[in-house]
Amino acid sequence: MKRIVYTPKAKYTSGSSCLILNKDNTQVLLIKRRDIPAWQLPSGGKNNNESFRQAAQREAQEETSCKIKVIKKIAQYERGSTPQTIHLYLGKIISGTPKQTPETKTAKFFNIKNLPIAIDPYSKIMIDNFIQSPNMRTFTLPKRHKLVNPTFLLKHPLVVIRYLLVIQGIHINT
């Protein structure tokens, strides 16, 4: 059953993401949200009285149903003309198996060098940057519209439409 929820468009806030690798570091854990059917790194906003590191751990646990340990901060991403910053942490699973949660449709490991086509462009940039250099660095993210792949648009128009609705504060959860 689909549920449509309208929330006022959020102001830009800073948040955290967690890049979780399997034991031999060949696969990355991605989640598929309920409101946008695209793969992405576990991520979300920071609560009051919470560090960005704690937010990365909490969000990863909420979105994968696994107990996660954050190892270290591996990157910081600035969003150009907005005050938003994304703090990227490296994490590992301590216990549990990734699965569906109230926030996510599914969670699954993918080969780090063969990511799904339906991946959030920012998550792909973060993973690619980590592969190139796992040392802590600061990056500036391009505007999202510059990341749209025309082939993806043609193959997955519903994903694009749902994404655009979420940006406007309209969430369709399945």
Protein backbone atom coordinates (compact mmCIF):
# COMPACT_ATOMS: atom_id res chain seq x y z
CA MET A 1 0.00 0.00 0.00
CA LYS A 2 1.39 3.38 -0.96
CA ARG A 3 1.35 6.21 1.49
CA ILE A 4 1.73 9.80 0.34
CA VAL A 5 3.08 12.23 2.90
CA TYR A 6 3.69 15.93 2.38
CA THR A 7 6.33 17.62 4.45
CA PRO A 8 7.36 21.23 3.87
CA LYS A 9 10.54 21.51 1.83
CA ALA A 10 13.42 21.18 4.25
CA LYS A 11 16.05 23.87 4.61
CA TYR A 12 19.56 22.76 3.78
CA THR A 13 21.11 21.05 6.77
CA SER A 14 24.31 19.16 7.29
CA GLY A 15 24.29 15.41 7.66
CA SER A 16 26.29 12.21 7.68
CA SER A 17 26.75 9.19 5.45
CA CYS A 18 28.36 5.85 6.21
CA LEU A 19 30.34 3.80 3.70
CA ILE A 20 30.18 0.20 4.95
CA LEU A 21 32.43 -2.42 3.37
CA ASN A 22 32.25 -6.19 3.62
CA LYS A 23 35.03 -8.12 5.41
CA ASP A 24 37.35 -8.33 2.39
CA ASN A 25 36.67 -4.71 1.31
CA THR A 26 35.37 -5.70 -2.14
CA GLN A 27 31.70 -4.80 -1.62
CA VAL A 28 29.86 -1.73 -0.34
CA LEU A 29 26.51 -1.77 1.46
CA LEU A 30 23.80 0.30 -0.23
CA ILE A 31 20.22 0.89 0.82
CA LYS A 32 17.14 1.54 -1.27
CA ARG A 33 14.86 4.07 0.40
CA ARG A 34 11.09 3.66 0.39
CA ASP A 35 10.40 7.11 -1.07
CA ILE A 36 13.07 7.09 -3.80
CA PRO A 37 13.72 3.71 -5.45
CA ALA A 38 17.42 4.36 -5.98
CA TRP A 39 20.44 2.85 -4.23
CA GLN A 40 22.46 5.04 -1.89
CA LEU A 41 24.77 5.01 1.10
CA PRO A 42 23.03 5.00 4.49
CA SER A 43 22.74 8.65 5.44
CA GLY A 44 20.69 11.27 7.17
CA GLY A 45 20.53 14.37 9.28
CA LYS A 46 22.05 15.02 12.67
CA ASN A 47 19.82 15.22 15.74
CA ASN A 48 20.35 17.80 18.46
CA ASN A 49 23.05 16.84 20.97
CA GLU A 50 24.54 14.36 18.49
CA SER A 51 27.89 14.47 16.72
CA PHE A 52 28.15 13.82 12.98
CA ARG A 53 29.93 10.56 13.80
CA GLN A 54 27.04 9.47 16.05
CA ALA A 55 24.55 10.48 13.35
CA ALA A 56 26.37 8.32 10.77
CA GLN A 57 26.25 5.32 13.11
CA ARG A 58 22.59 5.86 14.08
CA GLU A 59 21.42 6.35 10.49
CA ALA A 60 23.36 3.29 9.27
CA GLN A 61 21.83 1.16 12.03
CA GLU A 62 18.30 2.49 11.40
CA GLU A 63 18.56 1.93 7.63
CA THR A 64 20.24 -1.52 7.63
CA SER A 65 19.01 -3.12 10.90
CA CYS A 66 22.64 -4.05 11.69
CA LYS A 67 24.82 -2.99 14.58
CA ILE A 68 27.41 -0.67 13.00
CA LYS A 69 30.77 0.56 14.24
CA VAL A 70 32.08 3.79 12.74
CA ILE A 71 35.82 3.48 12.17
CA LYS A 72 36.89 6.93 10.96
CA LYS A 73 35.89 10.01 9.00
CA ILE A 74 37.00 9.60 5.39
CA ALA A 75 35.67 12.70 3.63
CA GLN A 76 33.75 15.92 3.92
CA TYR A 77 31.59 17.20 1.07
CA GLU A 78 30.54 20.81 0.64
CA ARG A 79 27.44 21.61 -1.42
CA GLY A 80 28.62 24.63 -3.39
CA SER A 81 26.18 27.53 -2.92
CA THR A 82 24.38 26.00 0.09
CA PRO A 83 25.56 25.77 3.70
CA GLN A 84 25.10 21.98 3.62
CA THR A 85 28.02 19.71 4.49
CA ILE A 86 27.99 15.92 4.28
CA HIS A 87 30.37 14.10 6.61
CA LEU A 88 31.34 10.66 5.24
CA TYR A 89 32.47 7.93 7.64
CA LEU A 90 33.86 4.46 7.08
CA GLY A 91 31.95 1.82 9.00
CA LYS A 92 31.70 -1.92 9.48
CA ILE A 93 28.99 -4.33 10.54
CA ILE A 94 29.49 -5.66 14.07
CA SER A 95 26.40 -7.90 14.05
CA GLY A 96 23.27 -8.56 12.07
CA THR A 97 22.34 -9.03 8.44
CA PRO A 98 21.27 -6.10 6.26
CA LYS A 99 17.53 -6.17 5.62
CA GLN A 100 14.38 -4.14 5.12
CA THR A 101 13.53 -1.55 7.77
CA PRO A 102 10.70 0.97 8.23
CA GLU A 103 12.91 3.52 6.41
CA THR A 104 14.30 1.32 3.66
CA LYS A 105 12.90 -1.07 1.11
CA THR A 106 16.07 -3.18 1.13
CA ALA A 107 19.79 -3.17 1.92
CA LYS A 108 22.35 -5.10 -0.12
CA PHE A 109 26.08 -5.41 -0.76
CA PHE A 110 27.37 -4.55 -4.25
CA ASN A 111 30.79 -5.01 -5.80
CA ILE A 112 32.56 -1.71 -5.15
CA LYS A 113 33.77 -1.60 -8.78
CA ASN A 114 30.41 -2.60 -10.32
CA LEU A 115 27.72 -0.42 -8.73
CA PRO A 116 24.05 -0.56 -9.81
CA ILE A 117 22.91 1.83 -12.52
CA ALA A 118 20.11 3.16 -10.30
CA ILE A 119 22.46 4.71 -7.73
CA ASP A 120 22.21 8.16 -6.22
CA PRO A 121 24.85 10.27 -8.03
CA TYR A 122 26.29 11.68 -4.81
CA SER A 123 26.71 8.19 -3.35
CA LYS A 124 28.55 7.13 -6.51
CA ILE A 125 30.87 10.14 -6.28
CA MET A 126 31.63 9.35 -2.63
CA ILE A 127 32.38 5.69 -3.37
CA ASP A 128 34.55 6.56 -6.39
CA ASN A 129 36.51 9.13 -4.34
CA PHE A 130 37.07 6.55 -1.58
CA ILE A 131 38.41 4.02 -4.13
CA GLN A 132 40.83 6.64 -5.49
CA SER A 133 42.03 7.76 -2.06
CA PRO A 134 40.78 6.42 1.29
CA ASN A 135 42.55 9.27 3.15
CA MET A 136 40.50 12.12 4.65
CA ARG A 137 39.80 14.85 2.08
CA THR A 138 37.34 17.69 1.49
CA PHE A 139 35.41 17.88 -1.79
CA THR A 140 32.83 20.16 -3.39
CA LEU A 141 29.85 18.34 -4.85
CA PRO A 142 28.48 19.42 -8.23
CA LYS A 143 24.87 20.53 -8.49
CA ARG A 144 22.55 17.55 -8.89
CA HIS A 145 21.20 18.60 -12.28
CA LYS A 146 24.74 18.32 -13.69
CA LEU A 147 24.84 14.68 -12.59
CA VAL A 148 21.71 13.47 -14.39
CA ASN A 149 22.47 10.70 -16.85
CA PRO A 150 20.12 11.01 -19.88
CA THR A 151 20.16 7.23 -20.37
CA PHE A 152 19.05 6.75 -16.77
CA LEU A 153 16.27 9.31 -17.27
CA LEU A 154 14.93 7.40 -20.26
CA LYS A 155 15.17 3.98 -18.60
CA HIS A 156 13.85 5.01 -15.17
CA PRO A 157 11.48 8.00 -15.52
CA LEU A 158 9.45 7.03 -12.41
CA VAL A 159 12.57 7.09 -10.24
CA VAL A 160 13.36 10.58 -11.49
CA ILE A 161 9.77 11.80 -10.94
CA ARG A 162 9.69 10.36 -7.41
CA TYR A 163 13.04 11.98 -6.64
CA LEU A 164 11.78 15.37 -7.86
CA LEU A 165 8.67 14.99 -5.69
CA VAL A 166 10.79 14.21 -2.61
CA ILE A 167 12.84 17.35 -3.19
CA GLN A 168 9.56 19.30 -3.09
CA GLY A 169 8.53 17.58 0.16
CA ILE A 170 6.11 15.00 -1.29
CA HIS A 171 7.04 11.47 -0.19
CA ILE A 172 5.46 8.36 -1.70
CA ASN A 173 6.34 5.41 0.51
CA THR A 174 5.80 1.87 -0.74
